[in-house]
Amino acid sequence: MSKCSIISFHKSGSPISHDYHMGDHMLTRVDSVRDLGVIFDVRLNFKEHLRSVVSRSYAGFHYPQLCQILT
C-alpha cells in the first residue's frame, strides 16, 4: 500500500475532497506523483519534472567541477 496514492488534477480552486480506501487502508492524497519517470503535479505544469531533469543532468556533468575548470 505504500506505493498507492491519490492525486486530483485541477486548474484552480480546491481539488475534490473524497477519501478513497483499498480494503482497510485509506489512500494518501499527494500533490505530485512520478509515473514512468515523469513527475505530474496537481496543475499539470511539469515544473517539478523539469527541475528534476535539470538537476540530474548537472549531477551527470559534475557541474561544480566543470565550473572550476572553466574559470
PDB file of N, CA and C in Angstrom:
ATOM      1  N   MET A   1       0.809  -1.201   0.000  1.00  0.00           N
ATOM      2  CA  MET A   1       0.000   0.000   0.000  1.00  0.00           C
ATOM      3  C   MET A   1       0.851   1.263   0.000  1.00  0.00           C
ATOM      4  N   SER A   2       2.143   1.153   0.265  1.00  0.00           N
ATOM      5  CA  SER A   2       2.979   2.353   0.321  1.00  0.00           C
ATOM      6  C   SER A   2       3.141   3.008  -1.051  1.00  0.00           C
ATOM      7  N   LYS A   3       2.921   2.257  -2.125  1.00  0.00           N
ATOM      8  CA  LYS A   3       3.058   2.823  -3.467  1.00  0.00           C
ATOM      9  C   LYS A   3       1.758   3.396  -3.996  1.00  0.00           C
ATOM     10  N   CYS A   4       0.673   3.234  -3.260  1.00  0.00           N
ATOM     11  CA  CYS A   4      -0.637   3.707  -3.715  1.00  0.00           C
ATOM     12  C   CYS A   4      -0.930   5.085  -3.134  1.00  0.00           C
ATOM     13  N   SER A   5      -1.404   5.979  -3.969  1.00  0.00           N
ATOM     14  CA  SER A   5      -1.757   7.324  -3.514  1.00  0.00           C
ATOM     15  C   SER A   5      -2.838   7.889  -4.424  1.00  0.00           C
ATOM     16  N   ILE A   6      -3.353   9.049  -4.029  1.00  0.00           N
ATOM     17  CA  ILE A   6      -4.426   9.722  -4.778  1.00  0.00           C
ATOM     18  C   ILE A   6      -3.930  11.096  -5.197  1.00  0.00           C
ATOM     19  N   ILE A   7      -4.202  11.481  -6.431  1.00  0.00           N
ATOM     20  CA  ILE A   7      -3.905  12.835  -6.888  1.00  0.00           C
ATOM     21  C   ILE A   7      -5.087  13.302  -7.736  1.00  0.00           C
ATOM     22  N   SER A   8      -5.502  14.538  -7.531  1.00  0.00           N
ATOM     23  CA  SER A   8      -6.584  15.126  -8.322  1.00  0.00           C
ATOM     24  C   SER A   8      -6.007  16.270  -9.132  1.00  0.00           C
ATOM     25  N   PHE A   9      -6.179  16.233 -10.442  1.00  0.00           N
ATOM     26  CA  PHE A   9      -5.669  17.280 -11.312  1.00  0.00           C
ATOM     27  C   PHE A   9      -6.730  18.364 -11.452  1.00  0.00           C
ATOM     28  N   HIS A  10      -6.298  19.635 -11.291  1.00  0.00           N
ATOM     29  CA  HIS A  10      -7.231  20.750 -11.370  1.00  0.00           C
ATOM     30  C   HIS A  10      -6.494  22.013 -11.768  1.00  0.00           C
ATOM     31  N   LYS A  11      -7.197  22.962 -12.350  1.00  0.00           N
ATOM     32  CA  LYS A  11      -6.591  24.230 -12.770  1.00  0.00           C
ATOM     33  C   LYS A  11      -6.524  25.233 -11.632  1.00  0.00           C
ATOM     34  N   SER A  12      -7.593  25.362 -10.879  1.00  0.00           N
ATOM     35  CA  SER A  12      -7.605  26.321  -9.775  1.00  0.00           C
ATOM     36  C   SER A  12      -8.615  25.865  -8.741  1.00  0.00           C
ATOM     37  N   GLY A  13      -8.631  26.569  -7.634  1.00  0.00           N
ATOM     38  CA  GLY A  13      -9.556  26.189  -6.573  1.00  0.00           C
ATOM     39  C   GLY A  13      -9.045  24.986  -5.819  1.00  0.00           C
ATOM     40  N   SER A  14      -9.948  24.312  -5.162  1.00  0.00           N
ATOM     41  CA  SER A  14      -9.544  23.167  -4.353  1.00  0.00           C
ATOM     42  C   SER A  14      -9.892  21.865  -5.072  1.00  0.00           C
ATOM     43  N   PRO A  15      -9.072  20.850  -4.866  1.00  0.00           N
ATOM     44  CA  PRO A  15      -9.339  19.560  -5.503  1.00  0.00           C
ATOM     45  C   PRO A  15     -10.550  18.870  -4.865  1.00  0.00           C
ATOM     46  N   ILE A  16     -11.001  17.845  -5.513  1.00  0.00           N
ATOM     47  CA  ILE A  16     -12.107  17.057  -4.971  1.00  0.00           C
ATOM     48  C   ILE A  16     -11.642  16.425  -3.667  1.00  0.00           C
ATOM     49  N   SER A  17     -12.393  16.636  -2.609  1.00  0.00           N
ATOM     50  CA  SER A  17     -12.045  16.079  -1.304  1.00  0.00           C
ATOM     51  C   SER A  17     -12.896  14.852  -1.027  1.00  0.00           C
ATOM     52  N   HIS A  18     -12.390  13.721  -1.402  1.00  0.00           N
ATOM     53  CA  HIS A  18     -13.073  12.471  -1.118  1.00  0.00           C
ATOM     54  C   HIS A  18     -12.023  11.479  -0.648  1.00  0.00           C
ATOM     55  N   ASP A  19     -12.333  10.739   0.401  1.00  0.00           N
ATOM     56  CA  ASP A  19     -11.407   9.723   0.894  1.00  0.00           C
ATOM     57  C   ASP A  19     -11.595   8.436   0.102  1.00  0.00           C
ATOM     58  N   TYR A  20     -10.480   7.873  -0.340  1.00  0.00           N
ATOM     59  CA  TYR A  20     -10.507   6.617  -1.073  1.00  0.00           C
ATOM     60  C   TYR A  20      -9.839   5.548  -0.231  1.00  0.00           C
ATOM     61  N   HIS A  21     -10.406   4.362  -0.238  1.00  0.00           N
ATOM     62  CA  HIS A  21      -9.887   3.239   0.551  1.00  0.00           C
ATOM     63  C   HIS A  21      -9.630   2.045  -0.348  1.00  0.00           C
ATOM     64  N   MET A  22      -8.611   1.276   0.018  1.00  0.00           N
ATOM     65  CA  MET A  22      -8.376  -0.045  -0.569  1.00  0.00           C
ATOM     66  C   MET A  22      -8.392  -1.015   0.598  1.00  0.00           C
ATOM     67  N   GLY A  23      -9.462  -1.745   0.700  1.00  0.00           N
ATOM     68  CA  GLY A  23      -9.619  -2.614   1.862  1.00  0.00           C
ATOM     69  C   GLY A  23      -9.788  -1.755   3.094  1.00  0.00           C
ATOM     70  N   ASP A  24      -8.943  -1.983   4.096  1.00  0.00           N
ATOM     71  CA  ASP A  24      -8.979  -1.201   5.341  1.00  0.00           C
ATOM     72  C   ASP A  24      -8.065   0.012   5.302  1.00  0.00           C
ATOM     73  N   HIS A  25      -7.298   0.184   4.235  1.00  0.00           N
ATOM     74  CA  HIS A  25      -6.306   1.257   4.157  1.00  0.00           C
ATOM     75  C   HIS A  25      -6.859   2.469   3.411  1.00  0.00           C
ATOM     76  N   MET A  26      -6.693   3.647   4.025  1.00  0.00           N
ATOM     77  CA  MET A  26      -7.068   4.883   3.355  1.00  0.00           C
ATOM     78  C   MET A  26      -5.890   5.351   2.504  1.00  0.00           C
ATOM     79  N   LEU A  27      -6.138   5.700   1.250  1.00  0.00           N
ATOM     80  CA  LEU A  27      -5.075   6.152   0.361  1.00  0.00           C
ATOM     81  C   LEU A  27      -4.682   7.583   0.689  1.00  0.00           C
ATOM     82  N   THR A  28      -3.402   7.867   0.610  1.00  0.00           N
ATOM     83  CA  THR A  28      -2.848   9.173   0.922  1.00  0.00           C
ATOM     84  C   THR A  28      -2.985  10.102  -0.278  1.00  0.00           C
ATOM     85  N   ARG A  29      -3.422  11.337  -0.044  1.00  0.00           N
ATOM     86  CA  ARG A  29      -3.518  12.343  -1.104  1.00  0.00           C
ATOM     87  C   ARG A  29      -2.157  13.027  -1.230  1.00  0.00           C
ATOM     88  N   VAL A  30      -1.664  13.167  -2.474  1.00  0.00           N
ATOM     89  CA  VAL A  30      -0.362  13.775  -2.733  1.00  0.00           C
ATOM     90  C   VAL A  30      -0.509  14.935  -3.716  1.00  0.00           C
ATOM     91  N   ASP A  31       0.496  15.822  -3.755  1.00  0.00           N
ATOM     92  CA  ASP A  31       0.496  16.956  -4.677  1.00  0.00           C
ATOM     93  C   ASP A  31       1.232  16.652  -5.978  1.00  0.00           C
ATOM     94  N   SER A  32       2.090  15.634  -5.949  1.00  0.00           N
ATOM     95  CA  SER A  32       2.785  15.233  -7.172  1.00  0.00           C
ATOM     96  C   SER A  32       3.044  13.732  -7.116  1.00  0.00           C
ATOM     97  N   VAL A  33       3.198  13.145  -8.298  1.00  0.00           N
ATOM     98  CA  VAL A  33       3.422  11.704  -8.397  1.00  0.00           C
ATOM     99  C   VAL A  33       4.334  11.440  -9.586  1.00  0.00           C
ATOM    100  N   ARG A  34       5.201  10.435  -9.452  1.00  0.00           N
ATOM    101  CA  ARG A  34       6.088  10.050 -10.547  1.00  0.00           C
ATOM    102  C   ARG A  34       5.522   8.782 -11.186  1.00  0.00           C
ATOM    103  N   ASP A  35       5.312   8.827 -12.498  1.00  0.00           N
ATOM    104  CA  ASP A  35       4.809   7.675 -13.224  1.00  0.00           C
ATOM    105  C   ASP A  35       5.629   7.520 -14.498  1.00  0.00           C
ATOM    106  N   LEU A  36       6.254   6.372 -14.650  1.00  0.00           N
ATOM    107  CA  LEU A  36       7.121   6.090 -15.806  1.00  0.00           C
ATOM    108  C   LEU A  36       8.190   7.165 -15.995  1.00  0.00           C
ATOM    109  N   GLY A  37       8.723   7.683 -14.867  1.00  0.00           N
ATOM    110  CA  GLY A  37       9.803   8.652 -14.910  1.00  0.00           C
ATOM    111  C   GLY A  37       9.375  10.095 -15.088  1.00  0.00           C
ATOM    112  N   VAL A  38       8.094  10.340 -15.260  1.00  0.00           N
ATOM    113  CA  VAL A  38       7.586  11.706 -15.425  1.00  0.00           C
ATOM    114  C   VAL A  38       6.884  12.127 -14.148  1.00  0.00           C
ATOM    115  N   ILE A  39       7.205  13.330 -13.655  1.00  0.00           N
ATOM    116  CA  ILE A  39       6.573  13.841 -12.443  1.00  0.00           C
ATOM    117  C   ILE A  39       5.380  14.695 -12.839  1.00  0.00           C
ATOM    118  N   PHE A  40       4.208  14.292 -12.364  1.00  0.00           N
ATOM    119  CA  PHE A  40       2.965  15.029 -12.600  1.00  0.00           C
ATOM    120  C   PHE A  40       2.586  15.734 -11.314  1.00  0.00           C
ATOM    121  N   ASP A  41       2.186  17.012 -11.402  1.00  0.00           N
ATOM    122  CA  ASP A  41       1.667  17.701 -10.225  1.00  0.00           C
ATOM    123  C   ASP A  41       0.192  18.022 -10.455  1.00  0.00           C
ATOM    124  N   VAL A  42      -0.459  18.548  -9.417  1.00  0.00           N
ATOM    125  CA  VAL A  42      -1.909  18.751  -9.471  1.00  0.00           C
ATOM    126  C   VAL A  42      -2.335  19.719 -10.574  1.00  0.00           C
ATOM    127  N   ARG A  43      -1.451  20.599 -11.004  1.00  0.00           N
ATOM    128  CA  ARG A  43      -1.799  21.579 -12.039  1.00  0.00           C
ATOM    129  C   ARG A  43      -1.276  21.195 -13.419  1.00  0.00           C
ATOM    130  N   LEU A  44      -0.603  20.070 -13.512  1.00  0.00           N
ATOM    131  CA  LEU A  44      -0.032  19.577 -14.779  1.00  0.00           C
ATOM    132  C   LEU A  44       0.869  20.596 -15.461  1.00  0.00           C
ATOM    133  N   ASN A  45       1.728  21.270 -14.673  1.00  0.00           N
ATOM    134  CA  ASN A  45       2.607  22.264 -15.293  1.00  0.00           C
ATOM    135  C   ASN A  45       4.041  21.767 -15.489  1.00  0.00           C
ATOM    136  N   PHE A  46       4.404  20.627 -14.961  1.00  0.00           N
ATOM    137  CA  PHE A  46       5.684  19.947 -15.183  1.00  0.00           C
ATOM    138  C   PHE A  46       6.907  20.714 -14.684  1.00  0.00           C
ATOM    139  N   LYS A  47       6.735  21.757 -13.882  1.00  0.00           N
ATOM    140  CA  LYS A  47       7.893  22.491 -13.344  1.00  0.00           C
ATOM    141  C   LYS A  47       8.763  21.585 -12.485  1.00  0.00           C
ATOM    142  N   GLU A  48       8.136  20.792 -11.623  1.00  0.00           N
ATOM    143  CA  GLU A  48       8.901  19.891 -10.756  1.00  0.00           C
ATOM    144  C   GLU A  48       9.646  18.849 -11.585  1.00  0.00           C
ATOM    145  N   HIS A  49       9.036  18.356 -12.645  1.00  0.00           N
ATOM    146  CA  HIS A  49       9.686  17.379 -13.517  1.00  0.00           C
ATOM    147  C   HIS A  49      10.912  18.002 -14.196  1.00  0.00           C
ATOM    148  N   LEU A  50      10.756  19.195 -14.744  1.00  0.00           N
ATOM    149  CA  LEU A  50      11.881  19.863 -15.408  1.00  0.00           C
ATOM    150  C   LEU A  50      13.013  20.160 -14.426  1.00  0.00           C
ATOM    151  N   ARG A  51      12.655  20.579 -13.212  1.00  0.00           N
ATOM    152  CA  ARG A  51      13.664  20.840 -12.185  1.00  0.00           C
ATOM    153  C   ARG A  51      14.449  19.554 -11.881  1.00  0.00           C
ATOM    154  N   SER A  52      13.761  18.437 -11.818  1.00  0.00           N
ATOM    155  CA  SER A  52      14.411  17.154 -11.549  1.00  0.00           C
ATOM    156  C   SER A  52      15.341  16.752 -12.689  1.00  0.00           C
ATOM    157  N   VAL A  53      14.899  16.918 -13.919  1.00  0.00           N
ATOM    158  CA  VAL A  53      15.706  16.561 -15.085  1.00  0.00           C
ATOM    159  C   VAL A  53      16.967  17.422 -15.155  1.00  0.00           C
ATOM    160  N   VAL A  54      16.815  18.718 -14.954  1.00  0.00           N
ATOM    161  CA  VAL A  54      17.969  19.629 -14.994  1.00  0.00           C
ATOM    162  C   VAL A  54      18.938  19.305 -13.870  1.00  0.00           C
ATOM    163  N   SER A  55      18.419  19.036 -12.686  1.00  0.00           N
ATOM    164  CA  SER A  55      19.268  18.703 -11.550  1.00  0.00           C
ATOM    165  C   SER A  55      20.079  17.439 -11.822  1.00  0.00           C
ATOM    166  N   ARG A  56      19.435  16.419 -12.379  1.00  0.00           N
ATOM    167  CA  ARG A  56      20.148  15.179 -12.692  1.00  0.00           C
ATOM    168  C   ARG A  56      21.169  15.385 -13.806  1.00  0.00           C
ATOM    169  N   SER A  57      20.878  16.254 -14.765  1.00  0.00           N
ATOM    170  CA  SER A  57      21.833  16.488 -15.853  1.00  0.00           C
ATOM    171  C   SER A  57      23.075  17.212 -15.326  1.00  0.00           C
ATOM    172  N   TYR A  58      22.872  18.176 -14.413  1.00  0.00           N
ATOM    173  CA  TYR A  58      24.022  18.847 -13.805  1.00  0.00           C
ATOM    174  C   TYR A  58      24.847  17.872 -12.986  1.00  0.00           C
ATOM    175  N   ALA A  59      24.191  16.959 -12.284  1.00  0.00           N
ATOM    176  CA  ALA A  59      24.922  15.969 -11.492  1.00  0.00           C
ATOM    177  C   ALA A  59      25.726  15.055 -12.409  1.00  0.00           C
ATOM    178  N   GLY A  60      25.174  14.709 -13.561  1.00  0.00           N
ATOM    179  CA  GLY A  60      25.870  13.853 -14.517  1.00  0.00           C
ATOM    180  C   GLY A  60      27.097  14.513 -15.119  1.00  0.00           C
ATOM    181  N   PHE A  61      27.057  15.814 -15.286  1.00  0.00           N
ATOM    182  CA  PHE A  61      28.183  16.557 -15.848  1.00  0.00           C
ATOM    183  C   PHE A  61      29.155  17.046 -14.780  1.00  0.00           C
ATOM    184  N   HIS A  62      28.881  16.723 -13.526  1.00  0.00           N
ATOM    185  CA  HIS A  62      29.708  17.210 -12.422  1.00  0.00           C
ATOM    186  C   HIS A  62      29.842  18.719 -12.517  1.00  0.00           C
ATOM    187  N   TYR A  63      28.706  19.382 -12.576  1.00  0.00           N
ATOM    188  CA  TYR A  63      28.613  20.828 -12.798  1.00  0.00           C
ATOM    189  C   TYR A  63      29.564  21.648 -11.917  1.00  0.00           C
ATOM    190  N   PRO A  64      29.659  21.414 -10.593  1.00  0.00           N
ATOM    191  CA  PRO A  64      30.597  22.232  -9.799  1.00  0.00           C
ATOM    192  C   PRO A  64      32.039  22.077 -10.274  1.00  0.00           C
ATOM    193  N   GLN A  65      32.439  20.843 -10.619  1.00  0.00           N
ATOM    194  CA  GLN A  65      33.799  20.635 -11.105  1.00  0.00           C
ATOM    195  C   GLN A  65      34.004  21.300 -12.456  1.00  0.00           C
ATOM    196  N   LEU A  66      32.992  21.252 -13.298  1.00  0.00           N
ATOM    197  CA  LEU A  66      33.079  21.881 -14.612  1.00  0.00           C
ATOM    198  C   LEU A  66      33.245  23.390 -14.481  1.00  0.00           C
ATOM    199  N   CYS A  67      32.547  23.996 -13.532  1.00  0.00           N
ATOM    200  CA  CYS A  67      32.675  25.441 -13.318  1.00  0.00           C
ATOM    201  C   CYS A  67      34.090  25.809 -12.880  1.00  0.00           C
ATOM    202  N   GLN A  68      34.709  24.970 -12.043  1.00  0.00           N
ATOM    203  CA  GLN A  68      36.068  25.250 -11.598  1.00  0.00           C
ATOM    204  C   GLN A  68      37.059  25.154 -12.750  1.00  0.00           C
ATOM    205  N   ILE A  69      36.834  24.213 -13.642  1.00  0.00           N
ATOM    206  CA  ILE A  69      37.719  24.039 -14.792  1.00  0.00           C
ATOM    207  C   ILE A  69      37.621  25.219 -15.747  1.00  0.00           C
ATOM    208  N   LEU A  70      36.391  25.709 -15.957  1.00  0.00           N
ATOM    209  CA  LEU A  70      36.177  26.796 -16.921  1.00  0.00           C
ATOM    210  C   LEU A  70      36.581  28.158 -16.394  1.00  0.00           C
ATOM    211  N   THR A  71      36.745  28.323 -15.086  1.00  0.00           N
ATOM    212  CA  THR A  71      37.098  29.655 -14.546  1.00  0.00           C
ATOM    213  C   THR A  71      38.559  29.738 -14.207  1.00  0.00           C
TER     214      THR A  71
END
